[in-house]
Each structure stands twice: as structure tokens, then as C-alpha cells.
Amino acid sequence: MTAPLDPAAVVAEFVERVAPYDPAPEAGPVAVLGVRTALGEATFQVGDHVVRAMCRALEAYRDPEDRGPCVACGGRRLDENLHCLDCGRLHGILGEVIARHARRVAQDPSYDPSA
């Protein structure tokens, strides 16, 4: 189990890490960020440098569960085995091997499942 995160504390730590590198600290705040959770609430007055850093950080984030889109249905719910939870297609090497085998079996007239 992972430790719970305090979003306000995470934002405060981010601001503290980034603010010292602001090339124009005298410019003053350009935004007020508010965080309200069950743990409490906090507001942060931040300058352009921090806002840009936060935007770049959010833009660069990729969820660890993101395994890309399904090539069959476009769904984004591929499990750890690259099995699409929306349409059932298998992806990756195993999925490709299974799909090729299924195509060969389907095209083979000697294969008769009713026999």
C-alpha cells in the first residue's frame, strides 16, 4: 500500500523547489492556486516562473498505467498483459502471435471444429 499524499504539501514543496530559480522574482504573483482536500486547504500566490514550471511538469506527466491506445478500438484500458479491457484484443508480441495463429486457423480449410 502506498502512503497517502497531501496535495497541498506536494504543491508547497514544488513551489519551494522551483521559486529560487525565478529570473524575475520582483515581478510578483500572476496566479493564485487553491488546493482543497479532506486534509485541509491551502492557497499559493505564484509567479510566472512557477506557473510555467507547473504547466511543464503536468504536461510531461505520463500515468504509469498508460500502455497506449488499443489499435482495434482506440480504448486506453490495456492491462499489464496488454489485453484490451474494452474489446478483448491482445497487444504486443504475444497478441500478434495469437492473432497470426488465429488467422491461419481461420483460413485453413482442413480445420473443422465440428469434426
Protein backbone atom coordinates (compact mmCIF):
# COMPACT_ATOMS: atom_id res chain seq x y z
CA MET A 1 0.00 0.00 0.00
CA THR A 2 1.31 3.44 -0.88
CA ALA A 3 1.44 6.25 1.62
CA PRO A 4 -1.31 8.86 1.22
CA LEU A 5 -0.33 12.11 -0.42
CA ASP A 6 -1.16 15.53 0.93
CA PRO A 7 -1.77 17.54 -2.27
CA ALA A 8 -1.30 20.90 -0.54
CA ALA A 9 2.05 19.79 0.86
CA VAL A 10 3.12 18.50 -2.57
CA VAL A 11 2.27 21.85 -4.17
CA ALA A 12 4.10 23.72 -1.40
CA GLU A 13 7.20 21.57 -1.88
CA PHE A 14 7.05 22.12 -5.65
CA VAL A 15 6.81 25.89 -5.22
CA GLU A 16 9.73 25.84 -2.76
CA ARG A 17 11.87 23.80 -5.20
CA VAL A 18 11.12 25.99 -8.22
CA ALA A 19 10.79 29.55 -6.83
CA PRO A 20 14.51 30.10 -6.10
CA TYR A 21 15.23 29.88 -9.83
CA ASP A 22 12.77 32.60 -10.83
CA PRO A 23 14.73 35.04 -13.02
CA ALA A 24 12.35 37.89 -12.09
CA PRO A 25 11.19 37.36 -8.50
CA GLU A 26 10.37 41.05 -8.13
CA ALA A 27 7.59 40.71 -10.74
CA GLY A 28 5.20 39.38 -8.12
CA PRO A 29 2.46 36.77 -8.36
CA VAL A 30 0.47 36.18 -11.52
CA ALA A 31 -1.81 33.44 -10.18
CA VAL A 32 -3.34 32.13 -7.00
CA LEU A 33 -3.58 28.36 -6.73
CA GLY A 34 -6.01 26.85 -4.29
CA VAL A 35 -5.97 23.27 -3.05
CA ARG A 36 -8.84 21.92 -1.00
CA THR A 37 -8.93 18.28 0.11
CA ALA A 38 -10.16 16.26 3.06
CA LEU A 39 -6.78 17.01 4.65
CA GLY A 40 -7.38 20.74 4.55
CA GLU A 41 -6.89 23.63 2.20
CA ALA A 42 -4.13 25.99 1.16
CA THR A 43 -3.61 28.83 -1.29
CA PHE A 44 -0.39 29.77 -3.03
CA GLN A 45 0.47 33.04 -4.74
CA VAL A 46 2.84 32.10 -7.52
CA GLY A 47 4.82 33.94 -10.13
CA ASP A 48 5.07 33.29 -13.85
CA HIS A 49 8.16 31.09 -13.40
CA VAL A 50 6.36 28.70 -11.03
CA VAL A 51 3.23 28.63 -13.22
CA ARG A 52 5.30 27.74 -16.29
CA ALA A 53 7.22 25.07 -14.36
CA MET A 54 3.99 23.56 -13.08
CA CYS A 55 2.48 23.55 -16.58
CA ARG A 56 5.58 21.83 -18.00
CA ALA A 57 5.53 19.27 -15.19
CA LEU A 58 1.84 18.50 -15.72
CA GLU A 59 2.28 18.33 -19.49
CA ALA A 60 5.21 15.91 -19.16
CA TYR A 61 3.44 13.57 -16.75
CA ARG A 62 2.54 10.13 -18.07
CA ASP A 63 0.47 7.78 -15.97
CA PRO A 64 2.31 4.52 -15.15
CA GLU A 65 -0.85 2.63 -16.19
CA ASP A 66 -0.81 4.22 -19.67
CA ARG A 67 0.10 1.47 -22.10
CA GLY A 68 -1.10 3.35 -25.15
CA PRO A 69 -4.30 3.03 -27.13
CA CYS A 70 -5.79 -0.19 -28.43
CA VAL A 71 -5.17 -0.44 -32.18
CA ALA A 72 -8.55 -2.13 -32.66
CA CYS A 73 -10.99 0.06 -30.70
CA GLY A 74 -8.88 3.04 -29.58
CA GLY A 75 -9.63 2.32 -25.91
CA ARG A 76 -7.00 3.24 -23.32
CA ARG A 77 -7.59 0.38 -20.90
CA LEU A 78 -4.81 -2.11 -21.62
CA ASP A 79 -3.97 -4.29 -18.63
CA GLU A 80 -0.46 -5.36 -17.59
CA ASN A 81 -0.64 -8.20 -20.16
CA LEU A 82 -1.55 -5.72 -22.93
CA HIS A 83 -5.07 -7.14 -23.11
CA CYS A 84 -7.66 -4.51 -24.05
CA LEU A 85 -10.36 -4.48 -21.40
CA ASP A 86 -12.77 -2.81 -23.84
CA CYS A 87 -12.63 -5.07 -26.92
CA GLY A 88 -10.54 -8.04 -25.80
CA ARG A 89 -7.67 -7.67 -28.28
CA LEU A 90 -4.22 -8.77 -27.15
CA HIS A 91 -1.34 -6.43 -27.99
CA GLY A 92 2.41 -6.84 -28.04
CA ILE A 93 4.35 -9.87 -29.24
CA LEU A 94 2.05 -12.42 -27.60
CA GLY A 95 -1.03 -10.75 -29.02
CA GLU A 96 0.50 -10.66 -32.50
CA VAL A 97 1.47 -14.35 -32.34
CA ILE A 98 -2.05 -15.31 -31.21
CA ALA A 99 -3.67 -13.14 -33.91
CA ARG A 100 -1.49 -14.64 -36.67
CA HIS A 101 -2.24 -18.15 -35.48
CA ALA A 102 -5.97 -17.42 -35.37
CA ARG A 103 -5.84 -16.06 -38.95
CA ARG A 104 -4.00 -19.19 -40.16
CA VAL A 105 -6.53 -21.49 -38.47
CA ALA A 106 -9.46 -19.49 -39.87
CA GLN A 107 -8.05 -19.72 -43.40
CA ASP A 108 -7.19 -23.43 -43.19
CA PRO A 109 -10.00 -25.40 -44.85
CA SER A 110 -8.74 -28.64 -43.28
CA TYR A 111 -9.56 -27.33 -39.83
CA ASP A 112 -13.08 -28.38 -38.97
CA PRO A 113 -14.08 -27.72 -35.37
CA SER A 114 -17.31 -29.72 -35.80
CA ALA A 115 -15.47 -32.96 -36.58
